[in-house]
C-alpha atoms as a PDB file:
ATOM      1  CA  MET A   1       0.051  -0.023   0.175  1.00  0.00           C
ATOM      2  CA  ASN A   2       1.661   3.298  -1.381  1.00  0.00           C
ATOM      3  CA  ASN A   3       1.582   5.584   2.220  1.00  0.00           C
ATOM      4  CA  ASN A   4       2.339   8.810  -0.046  1.00  0.00           C
ATOM      5  CA  ILE A   5      -1.307   8.663  -1.089  1.00  0.00           C
ATOM      6  CA  PRO A   6      -3.350  11.368   0.426  1.00  0.00           C
ATOM      7  CA  PHE A   7      -6.167   9.071   1.451  1.00  0.00           C
ATOM      8  CA  ASN A   8      -9.364  10.799   3.084  1.00  0.00           C
ATOM      9  CA  GLU A   9     -10.496   9.666   6.741  1.00  0.00           C
ATOM     10  CA  GLN A  10     -12.953   7.440   5.201  1.00  0.00           C
ATOM     11  CA  GLN A  11     -10.249   5.717   2.837  1.00  0.00           C
ATOM     12  CA  LYS A  12      -7.953   5.183   5.620  1.00  0.00           C
ATOM     13  CA  ILE A  13     -10.649   3.328   7.591  1.00  0.00           C
ATOM     14  CA  ALA A  14     -11.619   1.060   4.991  1.00  0.00           C
ATOM     15  CA  ILE A  15      -8.142   0.308   4.241  1.00  0.00           C
ATOM     16  CA  SER A  16      -7.957  -0.807   7.773  1.00  0.00           C
ATOM     17  CA  LEU A  17     -11.045  -2.584   8.077  1.00  0.00           C
ATOM     18  CA  ILE A  18      -9.431  -4.583   4.710  1.00  0.00           C
ATOM     19  CA  ARG A  19      -6.367  -5.005   6.642  1.00  0.00           C
ATOM     20  CA  ASN A  20      -8.120  -6.169   9.509  1.00  0.00           C
ATOM     21  CA  ASP A  21      -9.752  -9.121   7.588  1.00  0.00           C
ATOM     22  CA  PHE A  22      -6.540  -9.948   5.610  1.00  0.00           C
ATOM     23  CA  ARG A  23      -4.846 -10.218   9.002  1.00  0.00           C
ATOM     24  CA  PHE A  24      -7.873 -13.269   9.195  1.00  0.00           C
ATOM     25  CA  VAL A  25      -7.035 -15.007   5.987  1.00  0.00           C
ATOM     26  CA  TYR A  26      -2.944 -14.850   7.016  1.00  0.00           C
ATOM     27  CA  THR A  27      -3.633 -16.216  10.776  1.00  0.00           C
ATOM     28  CA  ILE A  28      -5.730 -19.162   9.152  1.00  0.00           C
ATOM     29  CA  LEU A  29      -3.242 -19.686   6.718  1.00  0.00           C
ATOM     30  CA  CYS A  30      -0.326 -20.012   9.215  1.00  0.00           C
ATOM     31  CA  ASN A  31      -2.564 -22.376  11.228  1.00  0.00           C
ATOM     32  CA  MET A  32      -3.361 -24.927   8.716  1.00  0.00           C
ATOM     33  CA  ASN A  33      -1.973 -27.398  10.601  1.00  0.00           C
ATOM     34  CA  GLN A  34      -4.429 -27.094  13.647  1.00  0.00           C
ATOM     35  CA  LEU A  35      -7.201 -26.486  11.849  1.00  0.00           C
ATOM     36  CA  LYS A  36      -7.229 -29.493   9.267  1.00  0.00           C
ATOM     37  CA  SER A  37      -8.325 -29.479   5.741  1.00  0.00           C
ATOM     38  CA  ASN A  38     -12.048 -28.976   5.722  1.00  0.00           C
ATOM     39  CA  TYR A  39     -11.536 -25.709   7.348  1.00  0.00           C
ATOM     40  CA  ILE A  40     -10.790 -23.694   4.248  1.00  0.00           C
ATOM     41  CA  SER A  41     -13.974 -25.380   2.602  1.00  0.00           C
ATOM     42  CA  PHE A  42     -16.130 -23.976   5.092  1.00  0.00           C
ATOM     43  CA  SER A  43     -14.658 -20.784   5.517  1.00  0.00           C
ATOM     44  CA  MET A  44     -14.979 -20.228   1.400  1.00  0.00           C
ATOM     45  CA  PRO A  45     -17.905 -18.046   1.860  1.00  0.00           C
ATOM     46  CA  LEU A  46     -15.891 -16.150   4.322  1.00  0.00           C
ATOM     47  CA  LEU A  47     -12.816 -15.608   2.089  1.00  0.00           C
ATOM     48  CA  GLY A  48     -14.830 -15.011  -0.905  1.00  0.00           C
ATOM     49  CA  THR A  49     -16.613 -12.269   0.874  1.00  0.00           C
ATOM     50  CA  ILE A  50     -13.370 -10.579   2.098  1.00  0.00           C
ATOM     51  CA  MET A  51     -11.584 -10.958  -1.262  1.00  0.00           C
ATOM     52  CA  ASP A  52     -14.178  -9.590  -3.879  1.00  0.00           C
ATOM     53  CA  GLY A  53     -15.151  -6.452  -1.323  1.00  0.00           C
ATOM     54  CA  ALA A  54     -11.334  -5.413  -1.103  1.00  0.00           C
ATOM     55  CA  GLU A  55     -10.981  -6.129  -4.930  1.00  0.00           C
ATOM     56  CA  ASP A  56     -14.177  -3.886  -5.120  1.00  0.00           C
ATOM     57  CA  TRP A  57     -13.145  -1.258  -3.066  1.00  0.00           C
ATOM     58  CA  VAL A  58      -9.683  -0.914  -5.114  1.00  0.00           C
ATOM     59  CA  LYS A  59     -11.499  -0.968  -8.336  1.00  0.00           C
ATOM     60  CA  SER A  60     -13.709   1.618  -6.997  1.00  0.00           C
ATOM     61  CA  TYR A  61     -11.233   3.798  -5.548  1.00  0.00           C
ATOM     62  CA  ASN A  62      -8.855   3.925  -8.822  1.00  0.00           C
ATOM     63  CA  ASN A  63     -12.165   4.638 -10.812  1.00  0.00           C
ATOM     64  CA  SER A  64     -12.267   7.635  -8.887  1.00  0.00           C
ATOM     65  CA  SER A  65      -8.997   9.021  -7.841  1.00  0.00           C
ATOM     66  CA  LYS A  66      -5.849  10.341  -9.890  1.00  0.00           C
ATOM     67  CA  ASN A  67      -3.656   8.581  -7.291  1.00  0.00           C
ATOM     68  CA  LYS A  68      -3.871   4.937  -8.584  1.00  0.00           C
ATOM     69  CA  LEU A  69      -3.292   2.271  -6.314  1.00  0.00           C
ATOM     70  CA  GLU A  70      -1.072  -0.324  -7.743  1.00  0.00           C
ATOM     71  CA  ILE A  71      -2.790  -3.372  -6.655  1.00  0.00           C
ATOM     72  CA  PRO A  72      -3.846  -6.178  -9.070  1.00  0.00           C
ATOM     73  CA  THR A  73      -7.941  -6.768  -9.660  1.00  0.00           C
ATOM     74  CA  PHE A  74      -9.904  -9.888 -11.229  1.00  0.00           C
ATOM     75  CA  SER A  75      -9.136 -11.362 -14.439  1.00  0.00           C
ATOM     76  CA  VAL A  76     -12.313 -12.766 -15.968  1.00  0.00           C
ATOM     77  CA  GLU A  77     -11.562 -16.452 -14.458  1.00  0.00           C
ATOM     78  CA  GLU A  78     -11.055 -14.985 -11.064  1.00  0.00           C
ATOM     79  CA  GLN A  79     -13.974 -12.735 -10.790  1.00  0.00           C
ATOM     80  CA  ALA A  80     -16.310 -15.556 -11.818  1.00  0.00           C
ATOM     81  CA  TYR A  81     -14.683 -17.597  -9.265  1.00  0.00           C
ATOM     82  CA  TYR A  82     -14.640 -15.300  -6.502  1.00  0.00           C
ATOM     83  CA  GLU A  83     -18.231 -14.313  -7.045  1.00  0.00           C
ATOM     84  CA  GLU A  84     -19.323 -17.856  -6.753  1.00  0.00           C
ATOM     85  CA  MET A  85     -17.018 -18.401  -3.490  1.00  0.00           C
ATOM     86  CA  ARG A  86     -18.892 -15.212  -2.123  1.00  0.00           C
ATOM     87  CA  ASN A  87     -22.363 -15.888  -3.213  1.00  0.00           C
ATOM     88  CA  ALA A  88     -22.146 -19.120  -1.215  1.00  0.00           C
ATOM     89  CA  ILE A  89     -22.648 -17.102   1.638  1.00  0.00           C
ATOM     90  CA  LYS A  90     -26.077 -16.168   0.483  1.00  0.00           C
ATOM     91  CA  LEU A  91     -27.384 -20.034   0.968  1.00  0.00           C
ATOM     92  CA  TRP A  92     -29.780 -19.153   3.646  1.00  0.00           C
ATOM     93  CA  ASP A  93     -31.004 -15.845   1.598  1.00  0.00           C
ATOM     94  CA  ASN A  94     -32.549 -18.108  -0.479  1.00  0.00           C
ATOM     95  CA  SER A  95     -36.089 -19.407  -0.361  1.00  0.00           C
ATOM     96  CA  TYR A  96     -36.298 -22.673   1.952  1.00  0.00           C
ATOM     97  CA  GLU A  97     -37.255 -24.739  -0.980  1.00  0.00           C
ATOM     98  CA  THR A  98     -34.161 -23.935  -3.197  1.00  0.00           C
ATOM     99  CA  VAL A  99     -31.943 -24.300   0.279  1.00  0.00           C
ATOM    100  CA  PHE A 100     -33.183 -27.833   0.445  1.00  0.00           C
ATOM    101  CA  GLU A 101     -33.249 -28.507  -3.244  1.00  0.00           C
ATOM    102  CA  GLU A 102     -29.244 -27.625  -3.361  1.00  0.00           C
ATOM    103  CA  LEU A 103     -28.595 -29.787  -0.517  1.00  0.00           C
ATOM    104  CA  LYS A 104     -30.106 -32.235  -1.651  1.00  0.00           C
ATOM    105  CA  ALA A 105     -28.738 -32.706  -5.108  1.00  0.00           C
ATOM    106  CA  THR A 106     -25.025 -32.402  -3.174  1.00  0.00           C
ATOM    107  CA  TYR A 107     -25.888 -34.977  -0.735  1.00  0.00           C
ATOM    108  CA  GLN A 108     -27.102 -37.181  -3.830  1.00  0.00           C
ATOM    109  CA  ALA A 109     -24.042 -36.578  -5.456  1.00  0.00           C
ATOM    110  CA  SER A 110     -21.881 -37.686  -2.807  1.00  0.00           C
ATOM    111  CA  ASP A 111     -24.079 -40.550  -2.228  1.00  0.00           C
ATOM    112  CA  GLU A 112     -23.563 -41.927  -5.798  1.00  0.00           C
ATOM    113  CA  TYR A 113     -19.799 -40.905  -5.957  1.00  0.00           C
ATOM    114  CA  PHE A 114     -18.817 -42.709  -2.746  1.00  0.00           C
ATOM    115  CA  SER A 115     -21.424 -45.921  -3.555  1.00  0.00           C
ATOM    116  CA  ASN A 116     -19.223 -46.239  -6.819  1.00  0.00           C
ATOM    117  CA  LEU A 117     -16.086 -46.477  -4.939  1.00  0.00           C
ATOM    118  CA  CYS A 118     -16.966 -49.597  -2.969  1.00  0.00           C
ATOM    119  CA  LYS A 119     -17.631 -53.374  -3.572  1.00  0.00           C
ATOM    120  CA  PRO A 120     -21.239 -54.106  -5.109  1.00  0.00           C
ATOM    121  CA  ILE A 121     -21.999 -55.990  -1.557  1.00  0.00           C
ATOM    122  CA  ALA A 122     -21.229 -53.041   0.259  1.00  0.00           C
ATOM    123  CA  LYS A 123     -23.154 -50.720  -2.338  1.00  0.00           C
ATOM    124  CA  LYS A 124     -26.020 -53.165  -2.183  1.00  0.00           C
ATOM    125  CA  LEU A 125     -26.304 -52.832   1.645  1.00  0.00           C
ATOM    126  CA  HIS A 126     -25.442 -49.191   1.685  1.00  0.00           C
ATOM    127  CA  LEU A 127     -22.332 -49.791   3.838  1.00  0.00           C
ATOM    128  CA  TYR A 128     -20.155 -46.956   2.920  1.00  0.00           C
ATOM    129  CA  ASP A 129     -19.444 -42.932   3.893  1.00  0.00           C
ATOM    130  CA  ILE A 130     -21.750 -40.634   2.502  1.00  0.00           C
ATOM    131  CA  PHE A 131     -20.215 -37.341   4.071  1.00  0.00           C
ATOM    132  CA  GLY A 132     -18.355 -36.194   7.191  1.00  0.00           C
ATOM    133  CA  ALA A 133     -18.170 -33.876   9.639  1.00  0.00           C
ATOM    134  CA  ASP A 134     -16.005 -31.751  11.808  1.00  0.00           C
ATOM    135  CA  LEU A 135     -16.067 -30.955  14.981  1.00  0.00           C
ATOM    136  CA  VAL A 136     -14.300 -28.366  16.913  1.00  0.00           C
ATOM    137  CA  GLU A 137     -14.364 -28.787  20.755  1.00  0.00           C
ATOM    138  CA  GLY A 138     -17.073 -31.413  20.225  1.00  0.00           C
ATOM    139  CA  GLU A 139     -19.664 -29.065  18.379  1.00  0.00           C
ATOM    140  CA  PHE A 140     -20.850 -29.762  14.793  1.00  0.00           C
ATOM    141  CA  CYS A 141     -19.043 -26.958  12.867  1.00  0.00           C
ATOM    142  CA  GLY A 142     -19.207 -28.259   9.434  1.00  0.00           C
ATOM    143  CA  ASN A 143     -20.280 -31.344   6.962  1.00  0.00           C
ATOM    144  CA  THR A 144     -18.717 -32.351   3.784  1.00  0.00           C
ATOM    145  CA  ILE A 145     -22.006 -31.587   1.895  1.00  0.00           C
ATOM    146  CA  LEU A 146     -22.348 -28.276   2.694  1.00  0.00           C
ATOM    147  CA  GLY A 147     -18.664 -28.028   2.223  1.00  0.00           C
ATOM    148  CA  SER A 148     -19.007 -29.075  -1.107  1.00  0.00           C
ATOM    149  CA  TYR A 149     -21.877 -26.538  -2.027  1.00  0.00           C
ATOM    150  CA  CYS A 150     -19.858 -23.679  -0.709  1.00  0.00           C
ATOM    151  CA  THR A 151     -16.200 -24.439  -2.878  1.00  0.00           C
ATOM    152  CA  PRO A 152     -16.589 -22.847  -6.017  1.00  0.00           C
ATOM    153  CA  GLN A 153     -16.415 -25.300  -9.389  1.00  0.00           C
ATOM    154  CA  TYR A 154     -16.400 -28.616  -6.989  1.00  0.00           C
ATOM    155  CA  GLN A 155     -17.171 -31.963  -8.174  1.00  0.00           C
ATOM    156  CA  PHE A 156     -16.724 -34.954  -6.317  1.00  0.00           C
ATOM    157  CA  GLY A 157     -13.649 -37.249  -7.634  1.00  0.00           C
ATOM    158  CA  SER A 158     -12.345 -34.114  -9.611  1.00  0.00           C
ATOM    159  CA  SER A 159     -10.044 -31.490  -7.992  1.00  0.00           C
ATOM    160  CA  ASP A 160      -7.856 -29.076  -9.995  1.00  0.00           C
ATOM    161  CA  GLY A 161      -5.224 -28.225  -7.490  1.00  0.00           C
ATOM    162  CA  GLU A 162      -3.107 -25.962  -9.764  1.00  0.00           C
ATOM    163  CA  LYS A 163      -6.150 -24.275 -10.955  1.00  0.00           C
ATOM    164  CA  ILE A 164      -7.346 -23.605  -7.314  1.00  0.00           C
ATOM    165  CA  LYS A 165      -3.559 -22.751  -6.343  1.00  0.00           C
ATOM    166  CA  LYS A 166      -3.785 -20.061  -9.361  1.00  0.00           C
ATOM    167  CA  TYR A 167      -6.709 -18.659  -8.467  1.00  0.00           C
ATOM    168  CA  ALA A 168      -5.711 -18.089  -4.629  1.00  0.00           C
ATOM    169  CA  GLU A 169      -2.513 -16.263  -5.601  1.00  0.00           C
ATOM    170  CA  ILE A 170      -4.237 -12.819  -5.858  1.00  0.00           C
ATOM    171  CA  MET A 171      -5.423 -13.474  -2.190  1.00  0.00           C
ATOM    172  CA  GLY A 172      -1.952 -13.605  -1.235  1.00  0.00           C
ATOM    173  CA  ALA A 173      -1.031 -10.606  -3.171  1.00  0.00           C
ATOM    174  CA  TYR A 174      -3.555  -8.657  -1.477  1.00  0.00           C
ATOM    175  CA  VAL A 175      -2.313 -10.043   2.236  1.00  0.00           C
ATOM    176  CA  VAL A 176       1.171  -8.637   1.314  1.00  0.00           C
ATOM    177  CA  LEU A 177       0.040  -5.484  -0.280  1.00  0.00           C
ATOM    178  CA  PHE A 178      -2.466  -4.401   2.593  1.00  0.00           C
ATOM    179  CA  GLY A 179       0.649  -5.218   5.469  1.00  0.00           C
ATOM    180  CA  ALA A 180      -1.605  -7.971   7.129  1.00  0.00           C
ATOM    181  CA  MET A 181       1.134 -10.492   7.886  1.00  0.00           C
ATOM    182  CA  LYS A 182       0.546 -10.422  11.323  1.00  0.00           C
ATOM    183  CA  GLU A 183      -1.192 -12.967  12.710  1.00  0.00           C
ATOM    184  CA  TYR A 184      -4.093 -12.549  15.101  1.00  0.00           C
ATOM    185  CA  ALA A 185      -3.521 -14.934  18.642  1.00  0.00           C
ATOM    186  CA  VAL A 186      -5.619 -18.238  18.567  1.00  0.00           C
ATOM    187  CA  ASN A 187      -6.490 -20.802  21.178  1.00  0.00           C
ATOM    188  CA  LYS A 188      -3.584 -23.583  20.578  1.00  0.00           C
ATOM    189  CA  ASP A 189      -5.820 -25.611  22.689  1.00  0.00           C
ATOM    190  CA  PHE A 190      -9.010 -25.896  20.531  1.00  0.00           C
ATOM    191  CA  HIS A 191      -9.476 -29.643  19.549  1.00  0.00           C
ATOM    192  CA  PHE A 192     -10.396 -30.078  15.700  1.00  0.00           C
ATOM    193  CA  CYS A 193     -11.362 -33.406  14.498  1.00  0.00           C
ATOM    194  CA  TYR A 194     -13.473 -35.280  11.542  1.00  0.00           C
ATOM    195  CA  LYS A 195     -16.045 -38.087  11.916  1.00  0.00           C
ATOM    196  CA  ASP A 196     -17.383 -39.904   8.993  1.00  0.00           C
ATOM    197  CA  TYR A 197     -21.307 -40.946   8.536  1.00  0.00           C
ATOM    198  CA  GLY A 198     -22.139 -43.844   6.348  1.00  0.00           C
ATOM    199  CA  GLY A 199     -22.835 -47.935   6.989  1.00  0.00           C
ATOM    200  CA  LEU A 200     -25.422 -48.202   9.286  1.00  0.00           C
ATOM    201  CA  VAL A 201     -25.248 -44.568  10.696  1.00  0.00           C
ATOM    202  CA  LYS A 202     -25.396 -42.498   7.884  1.00  0.00           C
ATOM    203  CA  SER A 203     -25.923 -39.120   9.548  1.00  0.00           C
ATOM    204  CA  PRO A 204     -26.433 -37.572  12.939  1.00  0.00           C
ATOM    205  CA  VAL A 205     -29.979 -36.774  12.043  1.00  0.00           C
ATOM    206  CA  GLY A 206     -31.127 -40.052  10.293  1.00  0.00           C
ATOM    207  CA  ASN A 207     -30.283 -42.004   7.154  1.00  0.00           C
ATOM    208  CA  ASP A 208     -31.902 -40.262   4.648  1.00  0.00           C
ATOM    209  CA  PHE A 209     -31.697 -36.753   3.254  1.00  0.00           C
ATOM    210  CA  SER A 210     -34.666 -34.579   5.301  1.00  0.00           C
ATOM    211  CA  ASP A 211     -35.441 -31.443   6.629  1.00  0.00           C
ATOM    212  CA  LYS A 212     -33.378 -32.025   9.677  1.00  0.00           C
ATOM    213  CA  PHE A 213     -30.335 -32.044   7.709  1.00  0.00           C
ATOM    214  CA  VAL A 214     -30.850 -28.898   6.247  1.00  0.00           C
ATOM    215  CA  LEU A 215     -31.353 -27.733   9.843  1.00  0.00           C
ATOM    216  CA  PHE A 216     -28.453 -29.554  10.602  1.00  0.00           C
ATOM    217  CA  SER A 217     -26.089 -27.618   7.738  1.00  0.00           C
ATOM    218  CA  LEU A 218     -27.584 -24.473   9.181  1.00  0.00           C
ATOM    219  CA  LEU A 219     -26.285 -25.648  12.754  1.00  0.00           C
ATOM    220  CA  CYS A 220     -23.109 -26.642  11.354  1.00  0.00           C
ATOM    221  CA  GLN A 221     -22.336 -23.120   9.499  1.00  0.00           C
ATOM    222  CA  THR A 222     -23.698 -20.966  12.562  1.00  0.00           C
ATOM    223  CA  GLN A 223     -21.409 -22.732  14.829  1.00  0.00           C
ATOM    224  CA  PHE A 224     -18.747 -22.398  12.404  1.00  0.00           C
ATOM    225  CA  VAL A 225     -18.679 -18.677  12.940  1.00  0.00           C
ATOM    226  CA  ILE A 226     -18.964 -18.931  16.399  1.00  0.00           C
ATOM    227  CA  TYR A 227     -16.222 -21.736  16.917  1.00  0.00           C
ATOM    228  CA  CYS A 228     -14.083 -21.326  14.581  1.00  0.00           C
ATOM    229  CA  VAL A 229     -13.851 -17.499  13.923  1.00  0.00           C
ATOM    230  CA  ASP A 230     -14.984 -15.548  17.191  1.00  0.00           C
ATOM    231  CA  LYS A 231     -13.896 -18.313  19.776  1.00  0.00           C
ATOM    232  CA  TYR A 232     -10.770 -19.622  18.017  1.00  0.00           C
ATOM    233  CA  ILE A 233      -9.415 -16.084  17.368  1.00  0.00           C
ATOM    234  CA  THR A 234      -8.677 -14.913  20.953  1.00  0.00           C
ATOM    235  CA  GLU A 235      -8.060 -11.141  19.914  1.00  0.00           C
ATOM    236  CA  GLU A 236     -10.660  -8.834  19.371  1.00  0.00           C
ATOM    237  CA  CYS A 237     -10.761  -7.947  15.285  1.00  0.00           C
ATOM    238  CA  THR A 238     -13.563  -6.692  13.473  1.00  0.00           C
ATOM    239  CA  THR A 239     -13.731  -9.653  11.330  1.00  0.00           C
ATOM    240  CA  LYS A 240     -15.395 -11.307  13.856  1.00  0.00           C
ATOM    241  CA  LEU A 241     -18.575  -8.798  13.537  1.00  0.00           C
ATOM    242  CA  ARG A 242     -18.667  -8.641  10.115  1.00  0.00           C
ATOM    243  CA  VAL A 243     -18.931 -12.724   9.983  1.00  0.00           C
ATOM    244  CA  LEU A 244     -21.181 -12.797  12.536  1.00  0.00           C
ATOM    245  CA  TYR A 245     -23.724 -10.227  11.699  1.00  0.00           C
ATOM    246  CA  LEU A 246     -23.603 -11.596   7.872  1.00  0.00           C
ATOM    247  CA  GLN A 247     -24.805 -14.961   9.376  1.00  0.00           C
ATOM    248  CA  TYR A 248     -27.231 -13.324  11.570  1.00  0.00           C
ATOM    249  CA  TYR A 249     -28.403 -11.349   8.473  1.00  0.00           C
ATOM    250  CA  TYR A 250     -28.980 -13.998   6.015  1.00  0.00           C
ATOM    251  CA  LEU A 251     -30.813 -16.067   8.431  1.00  0.00           C
ATOM    252  CA  SER A 252     -33.754 -13.770   9.769  1.00  0.00           C
ATOM    253  CA  LYS A 253     -35.585 -14.344   6.431  1.00  0.00           C
ATOM    254  CA  ILE A 254     -35.413 -17.846   6.249  1.00  0.00           C
ATOM    255  CA  LEU A 255     -36.168 -18.987   9.813  1.00  0.00           C
ATOM    256  CA  GLN A 256     -40.067 -17.573   8.761  1.00  0.00           C
ATOM    257  CA  GLU A 257     -40.045 -19.996   6.173  1.00  0.00           C
ATOM    258  CA  ILE A 258     -38.749 -22.902   8.085  1.00  0.00           C
ATOM    259  CA  ASN A 259     -41.304 -22.150  11.150  1.00  0.00           C
ATOM    260  CA  SER A 260     -44.192 -22.089   8.583  1.00  0.00           C
ATOM    261  CA  LYS A 261     -43.219 -25.137   6.299  1.00  0.00           C
ATOM    262  CA  LEU A 262     -42.036 -27.381   9.487  1.00  0.00           C
ATOM    263  CA  TYR A 263     -44.566 -25.774  12.040  1.00  0.00           C
ATOM    264  CA  THR A 264     -41.467 -24.869  14.417  1.00  0.00           C
ATOM    265  CA  GLU A 265     -41.171 -21.855  16.619  1.00  0.00           C
ATOM    266  CA  PHE A 266     -37.352 -21.092  16.245  1.00  0.00           C
ATOM    267  CA  THR A 267     -36.964 -17.275  16.887  1.00  0.00           C
ATOM    268  CA  MET A 268     -34.068 -14.832  16.941  1.00  0.00           C
ATOM    269  CA  ASP A 269     -34.412 -11.135  17.515  1.00  0.00           C
ATOM    270  CA  ALA A 270     -34.178  -9.488  14.270  1.00  0.00           C
ATOM    271  CA  SER A 271     -34.559  -5.929  15.581  1.00  0.00           C
ATOM    272  CA  LEU A 272     -30.560  -5.045  14.064  1.00  0.00           C
ATOM    273  CA  ILE A 273     -31.548  -6.345  10.470  1.00  0.00           C
ATOM    274  CA  SER A 274     -30.185  -3.771   8.369  1.00  0.00           C
ATOM    275  CA  SER A 275     -29.370  -4.080   4.620  1.00  0.00           C
ATOM    276  CA  GLN A 276     -27.643  -0.836   4.710  1.00  0.00           C
ATOM    277  CA  PHE A 277     -25.152  -1.771   7.439  1.00  0.00           C
ATOM    278  CA  ARG A 278     -24.931  -5.110   5.636  1.00  0.00           C
ATOM    279  CA  ASN A 279     -23.797  -3.467   2.387  1.00  0.00           C
ATOM    280  CA  THR A 280     -21.663  -0.471   3.840  1.00  0.00           C
ATOM    281  CA  MET A 281     -19.701  -3.349   5.780  1.00  0.00           C
ATOM    282  CA  ALA A 282     -19.435  -6.113   3.320  1.00  0.00           C
ATOM    283  CA  HIS A 283     -18.210  -3.914   0.721  1.00  0.00           C
ATOM    284  CA  TYR A 284     -16.142  -1.401   2.532  1.00  0.00           C
ATOM    285  CA  LYS A 285     -18.423   1.646   1.870  1.00  0.00           C
ATOM    286  CA  ILE A 286     -17.153   3.843   4.776  1.00  0.00           C
ATOM    287  CA  GLY A 287     -17.413   6.937   2.415  1.00  0.00           C
ATOM    288  CA  VAL A 288     -21.169   6.460   1.731  1.00  0.00           C
ATOM    289  CA  ALA A 289     -22.374   5.726   5.053  1.00  0.00           C
ATOM    290  CA  LEU A 290     -19.987   8.030   7.606  1.00  0.00           C
ATOM    291  CA  LYS A 291     -19.814  11.843   7.168  1.00  0.00           C
ATOM    292  CA  PRO A 292     -15.949  12.834   8.739  1.00  0.00           C
ATOM    293  CA  ASN A 293     -17.810  14.229  11.777  1.00  0.00           C
ATOM    294  CA  GLU A 294     -19.785  10.518  12.390  1.00  0.00           C
ATOM    295  CA  ILE A 295     -16.497   8.860  12.937  1.00  0.00           C
ATOM    296  CA  ILE A 296     -15.666   7.565  16.369  1.00  0.00           C
ATOM    297  CA  TYR A 297     -11.754   6.691  16.302  1.00  0.00           C
ATOM    298  CA  SER A 298     -12.251   4.891  19.684  1.00  0.00           C
ATOM    299  CA  ASP A 299     -14.388   2.006  18.407  1.00  0.00           C
ATOM    300  CA  PRO A 300     -13.523  -0.541  16.291  1.00  0.00           C
ATOM    301  CA  PHE A 301     -16.063  -0.001  13.365  1.00  0.00           C
ATOM    302  CA  PHE A 302     -15.170   4.006  13.749  1.00  0.00           C
ATOM    303  CA  GLY A 303     -19.117   4.826  14.615  1.00  0.00           C
ATOM    304  CA  LEU A 304     -20.493   2.512  12.042  1.00  0.00           C
ATOM    305  CA  THR A 305     -22.890   0.657  14.597  1.00  0.00           C
ATOM    306  CA  GLN A 306     -23.686   3.904  16.238  1.00  0.00           C
ATOM    307  CA  LYS A 307     -24.977   5.076  13.150  1.00  0.00           C
ATOM    308  CA  PHE A 308     -26.992   2.248  11.979  1.00  0.00           C
ATOM    309  CA  PHE A 309     -28.323   1.132  15.261  1.00  0.00           C
ATOM    310  CA  HIS A 310     -27.032   3.535  18.074  1.00  0.00           C
ATOM    311  CA  CYS A 311     -24.966   0.882  20.250  1.00  0.00           C
ATOM    312  CA  ASP A 312     -21.198   0.737  19.951  1.00  0.00           C
ATOM    313  CA  TYR A 313     -19.611  -2.118  18.240  1.00  0.00           C
ATOM    314  CA  TYR A 314     -19.141  -4.653  21.557  1.00  0.00           C
ATOM    315  CA  THR A 315     -23.058  -4.061  22.163  1.00  0.00           C
ATOM    316  CA  THR A 316     -23.687  -4.756  18.782  1.00  0.00           C
ATOM    317  CA  LYS A 317     -21.525  -7.821  18.598  1.00  0.00           C
ATOM    318  CA  GLN A 318     -22.887  -9.619  21.807  1.00  0.00           C
ATOM    319  CA  PHE A 319     -26.451  -8.765  20.906  1.00  0.00           C
ATOM    320  CA  VAL A 320     -25.714 -10.786  17.464  1.00  0.00           C
ATOM    321  CA  LEU A 321     -23.346 -13.372  19.145  1.00  0.00           C
ATOM    322  CA  GLU A 322     -26.556 -14.107  21.899  1.00  0.00           C
ATOM    323  CA  ASN A 323     -29.170 -14.847  19.381  1.00  0.00           C
ATOM    324  CA  LEU A 324     -26.804 -17.060  17.221  1.00  0.00           C
ATOM    325  CA  ASN A 325     -25.918 -19.112  20.436  1.00  0.00           C
ATOM    326  CA  ALA A 326     -29.669 -18.928  21.238  1.00  0.00           C
ATOM    327  CA  LEU A 327     -30.812 -20.654  17.924  1.00  0.00           C
ATOM    328  CA  THR A 328     -28.056 -22.981  17.768  1.00  0.00           C
ATOM    329  CA  THR A 329     -29.649 -24.303  20.873  1.00  0.00           C
ATOM    330  CA  GLN A 330     -33.300 -24.138  19.555  1.00  0.00           C
ATOM    331  CA  ILE A 331     -31.839 -26.427  16.711  1.00  0.00           C
ATOM    332  CA  LYS A 332     -30.178 -29.060  18.974  1.00  0.00           C
ATOM    333  CA  ALA A 333     -33.393 -29.664  20.847  1.00  0.00           C
ATOM    334  CA  TYR A 334     -35.198 -29.987  17.623  1.00  0.00           C
ATOM    335  CA  ILE A 335     -33.012 -32.274  15.480  1.00  0.00           C
ATOM    336  CA  HIS A 336     -31.984 -34.069  18.882  1.00  0.00           C
ATOM    337  CA  ILE A 337     -28.323 -33.776  18.765  1.00  0.00           C
ATOM    338  CA  ASP A 338     -25.917 -32.064  21.348  1.00  0.00           C
ATOM    339  CA  LYS A 339     -22.250 -32.811  20.980  1.00  0.00           C
ATOM    340  CA  GLY A 340     -20.827 -35.342  18.404  1.00  0.00           C
END
């Protein structure tokens, strides 16, 4: 990042928030031995949102300023790849019917792929693994069906490592160019493990794809942001609220459809749902949201939560976190699972 460019205050804030998010990316990469391989798959929607938002901010800045940032922007192929990655975070923003059918199709593709790998007798008796689940501190924080959906251009049994590596290079460049090569402190005692499901027990919520598997996936993704982002990183960082809020935001609408279809009574306080806040935060549009006299330098979000919700960063984050935790408790009770 060129320190000689005369950025205005809103631009400086946007850069600092982008840097924080890429420090999160750098922290993940530095701790892959502890996190296990599936963490990257489950974090794809978050990584895509960070990368796409930052690249969009760079393009917008360069289009409106005579002082250009010498930072690469997406090729056509990279644009498509990261858009698909980012859009996975909006899974729960779809209708319940769409979510059900998307996950069902991925589940069936997994079933077909793994059944074709086993001996005929095992296939006939359905004695083969269908998917795996990742657990953190004993809590379900991901499953490979959800992970497959979240991974751009994924096909069972086919992985182009060189292409993925090539697409990841621009993210690495942004980590360096935004000066984000400093790890956040993490909980080194967190226990990450993996459990396969197949044979007689194909799922913790039944042996067939069902509404309960959709709710199980919703639980996994919600607990991923709680445990693998908020709890795992022990330092407070603005990425935490960004990630927690996006999950909170996209769940608000579909819960109503779930309750209507399944005759459930899942509740979540939606009083902090704001499309304006979500857009500002997701795309680093600080200049649009905050006037210079509205900036609060002592607050991690520089006054964004005060502007939209009339409360500070920490109060906003605690409210969102409490609602997500309460929702996971309700879902666990309904699908009759606790820890793995």
